[in-house]
Amino acid sequence: MKLEVEVMNLKFPWMRTELIESLEELGDPMQQEKEWLPGAGALDRIIHFLFDDTPLPQNALGYYLRSVEEVEAVGEVQQALDDLLTVHGNDLSDHEYIRQTEWPRVVEGARKALRLLNAPEVTR
């Protein structure tokens, strides 16, 4: 049985909006190259949102995620970021992080999660 929650019934739809915006940034290397200036802190803001400001994905179903598939996809993005930070620490600039060999996994994970979050809702 596939469990889904309609977006309009989510408890925190604004968190979903911010999550989608964060995933759009993580999934767009061209924007990162152009707009993530040294010292701008775009990646830091996204990491704080994903790790500090929201419930863990496995606890977010019905709050800002609407399906188990979304929970898993956002969890994969968090894991990719966590692995990146475990290897390289938290002292690099945004531009240094996006040049690491682990970064494409973050980008692909964000794109996958975005496809799910932007997919039309299933109507019953």
Protein backbone atom coordinates (compact mmCIF):
# COMPACT_ATOMS: atom_id res chain seq x y z
CA MET A 1 0.00 0.00 0.00
CA LYS A 2 1.43 3.35 -1.03
CA LEU A 3 0.97 6.01 1.63
CA GLU A 4 0.53 9.55 0.32
CA VAL A 5 -0.60 12.79 1.93
CA GLU A 6 -2.04 15.62 -0.13
CA VAL A 7 0.12 18.76 -0.06
CA MET A 8 -2.82 20.86 1.08
CA ASN A 9 -3.15 18.57 4.13
CA LEU A 10 0.50 18.88 5.20
CA LYS A 11 1.00 20.45 8.63
CA PHE A 12 3.96 22.58 7.49
CA PRO A 13 3.57 23.32 3.76
CA TRP A 14 5.96 26.29 4.01
CA MET A 15 8.74 23.87 5.02
CA ARG A 16 8.04 21.92 1.85
CA THR A 17 8.38 25.13 -0.16
CA GLU A 18 11.71 25.92 1.48
CA LEU A 19 12.87 22.33 0.98
CA ILE A 20 12.06 22.51 -2.74
CA GLU A 21 13.97 25.81 -3.03
CA SER A 22 16.96 24.27 -1.23
CA LEU A 23 16.90 21.18 -3.45
CA GLU A 24 16.70 23.38 -6.55
CA GLU A 25 19.90 25.11 -5.46
CA LEU A 26 21.64 21.82 -4.63
CA GLY A 27 20.62 20.34 -7.98
CA ASP A 28 21.85 23.22 -10.14
CA PRO A 29 25.65 23.28 -10.56
CA MET A 30 25.46 26.24 -12.98
CA GLN A 31 23.70 28.36 -10.36
CA GLN A 32 26.24 27.24 -7.78
CA GLU A 33 29.13 28.37 -9.98
CA LYS A 34 27.52 31.75 -10.67
CA GLU A 35 25.86 32.62 -7.38
CA TRP A 36 27.58 30.77 -4.57
CA LEU A 37 30.22 33.38 -4.00
CA PRO A 38 32.94 32.75 -1.44
CA GLY A 39 31.61 33.79 1.93
CA ALA A 40 27.98 33.94 0.77
CA GLY A 41 26.98 30.93 2.87
CA ALA A 42 24.34 29.47 0.55
CA LEU A 43 25.39 25.91 1.32
CA ASP A 44 25.58 26.67 5.05
CA ARG A 45 21.98 27.97 4.95
CA ILE A 46 20.79 24.83 3.15
CA ILE A 47 22.64 22.52 5.57
CA HIS A 48 21.13 24.32 8.56
CA PHE A 49 17.67 23.98 7.02
CA LEU A 50 18.08 20.27 6.24
CA PHE A 51 19.78 19.26 9.48
CA ASP A 52 18.78 21.79 12.15
CA ASP A 53 15.53 23.52 11.22
CA THR A 54 13.36 20.60 10.11
CA PRO A 55 12.43 17.20 11.51
CA LEU A 56 14.40 14.27 10.15
CA PRO A 57 12.81 13.00 6.92
CA GLN A 58 11.70 9.77 8.59
CA ASN A 59 9.68 11.91 11.03
CA ALA A 60 8.35 14.35 8.41
CA LEU A 61 5.66 12.32 6.66
CA GLY A 62 2.51 14.40 6.82
CA TYR A 63 4.42 17.44 8.05
CA TYR A 64 6.29 18.53 4.92
CA LEU A 65 6.74 15.28 2.99
CA ARG A 66 3.83 13.44 1.44
CA SER A 67 5.13 9.93 0.69
CA VAL A 68 7.58 7.29 1.84
CA GLU A 69 9.43 7.79 -1.47
CA GLU A 70 9.94 11.48 -0.66
CA VAL A 71 11.16 10.57 2.82
CA GLU A 72 13.73 8.19 1.33
CA ALA A 73 14.88 10.65 -1.36
CA VAL A 74 15.38 13.55 1.07
CA GLY A 75 17.16 11.16 3.42
CA GLU A 76 19.55 10.26 0.59
CA VAL A 77 20.36 13.96 0.07
CA GLN A 78 21.02 14.39 3.77
CA GLN A 79 23.25 11.31 3.75
CA ALA A 80 25.21 12.58 0.75
CA LEU A 81 25.78 15.92 2.49
CA ASP A 82 26.69 14.20 5.75
CA ASP A 83 29.22 11.99 3.95
CA LEU A 84 30.72 15.06 2.26
CA LEU A 85 31.07 16.85 5.61
CA THR A 86 32.46 13.74 7.30
CA VAL A 87 35.25 13.52 4.73
CA HIS A 88 36.02 17.24 4.35
CA GLY A 89 34.86 18.84 7.61
CA ASN A 90 32.85 22.02 7.81
CA ASP A 91 35.48 24.65 7.12
CA LEU A 92 35.54 24.73 3.30
CA SER A 93 33.91 27.45 1.25
CA ASP A 94 30.90 26.67 -0.92
CA HIS A 95 33.13 26.71 -4.00
CA GLU A 96 35.54 24.26 -2.40
CA TYR A 97 32.74 21.83 -1.49
CA ILE A 98 31.26 21.81 -4.98
CA ARG A 99 34.64 20.81 -6.40
CA GLN A 100 34.94 17.67 -4.24
CA THR A 101 34.46 14.22 -5.76
CA GLU A 102 31.48 13.59 -3.47
CA TRP A 103 29.55 16.63 -4.75
CA PRO A 104 27.90 15.00 -7.82
CA ARG A 105 26.13 12.59 -5.46
CA VAL A 106 24.60 15.59 -3.66
CA VAL A 107 23.51 17.12 -6.98
CA GLU A 108 21.97 13.88 -8.30
CA GLY A 109 20.24 13.18 -5.00
CA ALA A 110 18.74 16.67 -4.98
CA ARG A 111 17.51 16.25 -8.55
CA LYS A 112 15.91 12.90 -7.72
CA ALA A 113 14.19 14.32 -4.65
CA LEU A 114 12.96 17.32 -6.66
CA ARG A 115 11.37 15.07 -9.27
CA LEU A 116 9.40 13.38 -6.52
CA LEU A 117 8.44 16.55 -4.64
CA ASN A 118 7.35 18.28 -7.86
CA ALA A 119 5.40 15.31 -9.19
CA PRO A 120 1.64 15.81 -9.43
CA GLU A 121 -0.35 14.52 -6.52
CA VAL A 122 -2.19 11.28 -6.96
CA THR A 123 -5.91 11.91 -6.80
CA ARG A 124 -8.14 9.34 -5.29
